[in-house]
Amino acid sequence: MSWGFVDLFYPGETDRAAELDRRNAELNAQRRSMGLVTQEETDAQEARFNDNPEANNAAIVDGFVEGAREGAEATAGAIRGSIAGPLNFLFKSIPWQLWAVGAVALFLYVGGGVYLRGILAKK
């Protein structure tokens, strides 16, 4: 029994791939024995297949990781946009003068008047 990563989601897939490779090797041996291809042609065909980046599992995994990264960035951008939209509207719709009056009112509310009175009394 194989315990490859693929077998976690598709049990027996690694064994199936090994069986298909074995059957392919048998068919290539039959073609060579019938004189349809030479050993060099078979080796060249296998080399082309092994050098093919589309057949390379690393390229598939890299593509998956790249797609997952792009999806995560798009999701984060959508969340940021949905949060920032109302906040930007709030800050842009209130004039800066009202923000200044509010800041002074908050300063006085939290005890800034007593602090200022202490500073002005010393002078």
C-alpha atoms as a PDB file:
ATOM      1  CA  MET A   1       0.000   0.000   0.000  1.00  0.00           C
ATOM      2  CA  SER A   2       1.291   3.409  -0.963  1.00  0.00           C
ATOM      3  CA  TRP A   3       1.113   6.454   1.307  1.00  0.00           C
ATOM      4  CA  GLY A   4       1.757   9.217  -1.223  1.00  0.00           C
ATOM      5  CA  PHE A   5       0.209  12.667  -0.846  1.00  0.00           C
ATOM      6  CA  VAL A   6      -2.226  11.936  -3.667  1.00  0.00           C
ATOM      7  CA  ASP A   7      -3.414   8.802  -1.862  1.00  0.00           C
ATOM      8  CA  LEU A   8      -4.729  10.907   1.012  1.00  0.00           C
ATOM      9  CA  PHE A   9      -7.427  12.294  -1.279  1.00  0.00           C
ATOM     10  CA  TYR A  10      -7.602   9.557  -3.940  1.00  0.00           C
ATOM     11  CA  PRO A  11      -6.776   6.191  -2.321  1.00  0.00           C
ATOM     12  CA  GLY A  12      -4.920   3.766  -4.586  1.00  0.00           C
ATOM     13  CA  GLU A  13      -3.984   6.352  -7.210  1.00  0.00           C
ATOM     14  CA  THR A  14      -0.239   5.796  -6.776  1.00  0.00           C
ATOM     15  CA  ASP A  15      -0.675   2.043  -7.227  1.00  0.00           C
ATOM     16  CA  ARG A  16      -2.816   2.686 -10.318  1.00  0.00           C
ATOM     17  CA  ALA A  17      -0.099   4.929 -11.786  1.00  0.00           C
ATOM     18  CA  ALA A  18       2.540   2.245 -11.155  1.00  0.00           C
ATOM     19  CA  GLU A  19       0.351  -0.339 -12.905  1.00  0.00           C
ATOM     20  CA  LEU A  20      -0.123   1.976 -15.900  1.00  0.00           C
ATOM     21  CA  ASP A  21       3.655   2.546 -16.103  1.00  0.00           C
ATOM     22  CA  ARG A  22       4.221  -1.224 -16.041  1.00  0.00           C
ATOM     23  CA  ARG A  23       1.660  -1.784 -18.827  1.00  0.00           C
ATOM     24  CA  ASN A  24       3.213   1.023 -20.884  1.00  0.00           C
ATOM     25  CA  ALA A  25       6.625  -0.593 -20.552  1.00  0.00           C
ATOM     26  CA  GLU A  26       5.151  -3.914 -21.739  1.00  0.00           C
ATOM     27  CA  LEU A  27       3.557  -2.236 -24.769  1.00  0.00           C
ATOM     28  CA  ASN A  28       6.847  -0.498 -25.618  1.00  0.00           C
ATOM     29  CA  ALA A  29       8.628  -3.880 -25.376  1.00  0.00           C
ATOM     30  CA  GLN A  30       6.054  -5.392 -27.757  1.00  0.00           C
ATOM     31  CA  ARG A  31       6.534  -2.545 -30.235  1.00  0.00           C
ATOM     32  CA  ARG A  32      10.304  -3.058 -30.120  1.00  0.00           C
ATOM     33  CA  SER A  33       9.968  -6.835 -30.594  1.00  0.00           C
ATOM     34  CA  MET A  34       7.688  -6.283 -33.596  1.00  0.00           C
ATOM     35  CA  GLY A  35      10.261  -3.918 -35.099  1.00  0.00           C
ATOM     36  CA  LEU A  36       7.985  -0.886 -35.065  1.00  0.00           C
ATOM     37  CA  VAL A  37      10.440   1.219 -33.005  1.00  0.00           C
ATOM     38  CA  THR A  38      14.028   0.984 -31.907  1.00  0.00           C
ATOM     39  CA  GLN A  39      15.374   1.222 -28.383  1.00  0.00           C
ATOM     40  CA  GLU A  40      16.836   4.648 -29.210  1.00  0.00           C
ATOM     41  CA  GLU A  41      13.428   5.938 -30.340  1.00  0.00           C
ATOM     42  CA  THR A  42      11.811   4.640 -27.171  1.00  0.00           C
ATOM     43  CA  ASP A  43      14.526   6.243 -25.030  1.00  0.00           C
ATOM     44  CA  ALA A  44      14.132   9.540 -26.913  1.00  0.00           C
ATOM     45  CA  GLN A  45      10.368   9.434 -26.409  1.00  0.00           C
ATOM     46  CA  GLU A  46      10.758   8.815 -22.669  1.00  0.00           C
ATOM     47  CA  ALA A  47      13.349  11.615 -22.433  1.00  0.00           C
ATOM     48  CA  ARG A  48      10.941  14.027 -24.166  1.00  0.00           C
ATOM     49  CA  PHE A  49       8.204  13.036 -21.736  1.00  0.00           C
ATOM     50  CA  ASN A  50      10.438  13.433 -18.684  1.00  0.00           C
ATOM     51  CA  ASP A  51      11.718  16.818 -19.896  1.00  0.00           C
ATOM     52  CA  ASN A  52       8.184  18.074 -20.535  1.00  0.00           C
ATOM     53  CA  PRO A  53       7.413  20.744 -17.891  1.00  0.00           C
ATOM     54  CA  GLU A  54       3.671  20.077 -18.217  1.00  0.00           C
ATOM     55  CA  ALA A  55       4.193  16.476 -17.136  1.00  0.00           C
ATOM     56  CA  ASN A  56       6.365  17.543 -14.230  1.00  0.00           C
ATOM     57  CA  ASN A  57       4.584  17.390 -10.883  1.00  0.00           C
ATOM     58  CA  ALA A  58       6.706  20.256  -9.530  1.00  0.00           C
ATOM     59  CA  ALA A  59       5.247  22.557 -12.187  1.00  0.00           C
ATOM     60  CA  ILE A  60       1.748  21.507 -11.163  1.00  0.00           C
ATOM     61  CA  VAL A  61       2.468  22.160  -7.496  1.00  0.00           C
ATOM     62  CA  ASP A  62       4.064  25.528  -8.344  1.00  0.00           C
ATOM     63  CA  GLY A  63       0.979  26.472 -10.350  1.00  0.00           C
ATOM     64  CA  PHE A  64      -1.262  25.448  -7.469  1.00  0.00           C
ATOM     65  CA  VAL A  65       0.751  27.529  -4.995  1.00  0.00           C
ATOM     66  CA  GLU A  66       0.751  30.535  -7.339  1.00  0.00           C
ATOM     67  CA  GLY A  67      -3.014  30.271  -7.835  1.00  0.00           C
ATOM     68  CA  ALA A  68      -3.614  29.926  -4.105  1.00  0.00           C
ATOM     69  CA  ARG A  69      -1.453  32.982  -3.443  1.00  0.00           C
ATOM     70  CA  GLU A  70      -3.338  35.041  -6.042  1.00  0.00           C
ATOM     71  CA  GLY A  71      -6.664  33.910  -4.583  1.00  0.00           C
ATOM     72  CA  ALA A  72      -5.594  34.845  -1.058  1.00  0.00           C
ATOM     73  CA  GLU A  73      -4.416  38.266  -2.232  1.00  0.00           C
ATOM     74  CA  ALA A  74      -7.683  38.854  -4.089  1.00  0.00           C
ATOM     75  CA  THR A  75      -9.701  37.831  -1.045  1.00  0.00           C
ATOM     76  CA  ALA A  76      -7.653  40.060   1.248  1.00  0.00           C
ATOM     77  CA  GLY A  77      -8.066  42.948  -1.200  1.00  0.00           C
ATOM     78  CA  ALA A  78     -11.827  42.453  -1.298  1.00  0.00           C
ATOM     79  CA  ILE A  79     -12.040  42.399   2.489  1.00  0.00           C
ATOM     80  CA  ARG A  80      -9.852  45.508   2.769  1.00  0.00           C
ATOM     81  CA  GLY A  81     -11.990  47.280   0.189  1.00  0.00           C
ATOM     82  CA  SER A  82     -15.253  46.397   1.922  1.00  0.00           C
ATOM     83  CA  ILE A  83     -13.926  47.669   5.260  1.00  0.00           C
ATOM     84  CA  ALA A  84     -12.187  50.749   3.871  1.00  0.00           C
ATOM     85  CA  GLY A  85     -15.128  51.887   1.738  1.00  0.00           C
ATOM     86  CA  PRO A  86     -17.455  52.998   4.551  1.00  0.00           C
ATOM     87  CA  LEU A  87     -14.566  54.434   6.581  1.00  0.00           C
ATOM     88  CA  ASN A  88     -13.328  56.480   3.626  1.00  0.00           C
ATOM     89  CA  PHE A  89     -16.870  57.748   3.061  1.00  0.00           C
ATOM     90  CA  LEU A  90     -17.149  58.746   6.728  1.00  0.00           C
ATOM     91  CA  PHE A  91     -13.845  60.624   6.784  1.00  0.00           C
ATOM     92  CA  LYS A  92     -14.431  62.332   3.438  1.00  0.00           C
ATOM     93  CA  SER A  93     -18.020  63.366   4.174  1.00  0.00           C
ATOM     94  CA  ILE A  94     -17.199  65.265   7.403  1.00  0.00           C
ATOM     95  CA  PRO A  95     -15.327  68.565   6.888  1.00  0.00           C
ATOM     96  CA  TRP A  96     -11.950  68.965   8.588  1.00  0.00           C
ATOM     97  CA  GLN A  97     -13.245  71.838  10.711  1.00  0.00           C
ATOM     98  CA  LEU A  98     -15.722  69.523  12.430  1.00  0.00           C
ATOM     99  CA  TRP A  99     -12.920  67.010  13.026  1.00  0.00           C
ATOM    100  CA  ALA A 100     -10.883  69.787  14.686  1.00  0.00           C
ATOM    101  CA  VAL A 101     -13.834  70.870  16.883  1.00  0.00           C
ATOM    102  CA  GLY A 102     -14.414  67.237  17.844  1.00  0.00           C
ATOM    103  CA  ALA A 103     -10.742  66.762  18.753  1.00  0.00           C
ATOM    104  CA  VAL A 104     -10.804  69.840  20.999  1.00  0.00           C
ATOM    105  CA  ALA A 105     -14.056  68.677  22.612  1.00  0.00           C
ATOM    106  CA  LEU A 106     -12.574  65.228  23.261  1.00  0.00           C
ATOM    107  CA  PHE A 107      -9.440  66.808  24.736  1.00  0.00           C
ATOM    108  CA  LEU A 108     -11.538  68.870  27.155  1.00  0.00           C
ATOM    109  CA  TYR A 109     -13.788  65.893  27.978  1.00  0.00           C
ATOM    110  CA  VAL A 110     -10.881  63.654  29.032  1.00  0.00           C
ATOM    111  CA  GLY A 111      -9.455  66.311  31.370  1.00  0.00           C
ATOM    112  CA  GLY A 112      -7.307  68.413  29.105  1.00  0.00           C
ATOM    113  CA  GLY A 113      -8.874  71.620  30.493  1.00  0.00           C
ATOM    114  CA  VAL A 114      -7.502  70.901  33.956  1.00  0.00           C
ATOM    115  CA  TYR A 115      -4.083  70.229  32.435  1.00  0.00           C
ATOM    116  CA  LEU A 116      -4.175  73.481  30.482  1.00  0.00           C
ATOM    117  CA  ARG A 117      -5.364  75.437  33.546  1.00  0.00           C
ATOM    118  CA  GLY A 118      -2.357  74.078  35.483  1.00  0.00           C
ATOM    119  CA  ILE A 119       0.066  75.158  32.745  1.00  0.00           C
ATOM    120  CA  LEU A 120      -1.483  78.614  32.332  1.00  0.00           C
ATOM    121  CA  ALA A 121      -1.558  79.211  36.126  1.00  0.00           C
ATOM    122  CA  LYS A 122       2.228  78.697  36.356  1.00  0.00           C
ATOM    123  CA  LYS A 123       2.908  81.459  33.856  1.00  0.00           C
END
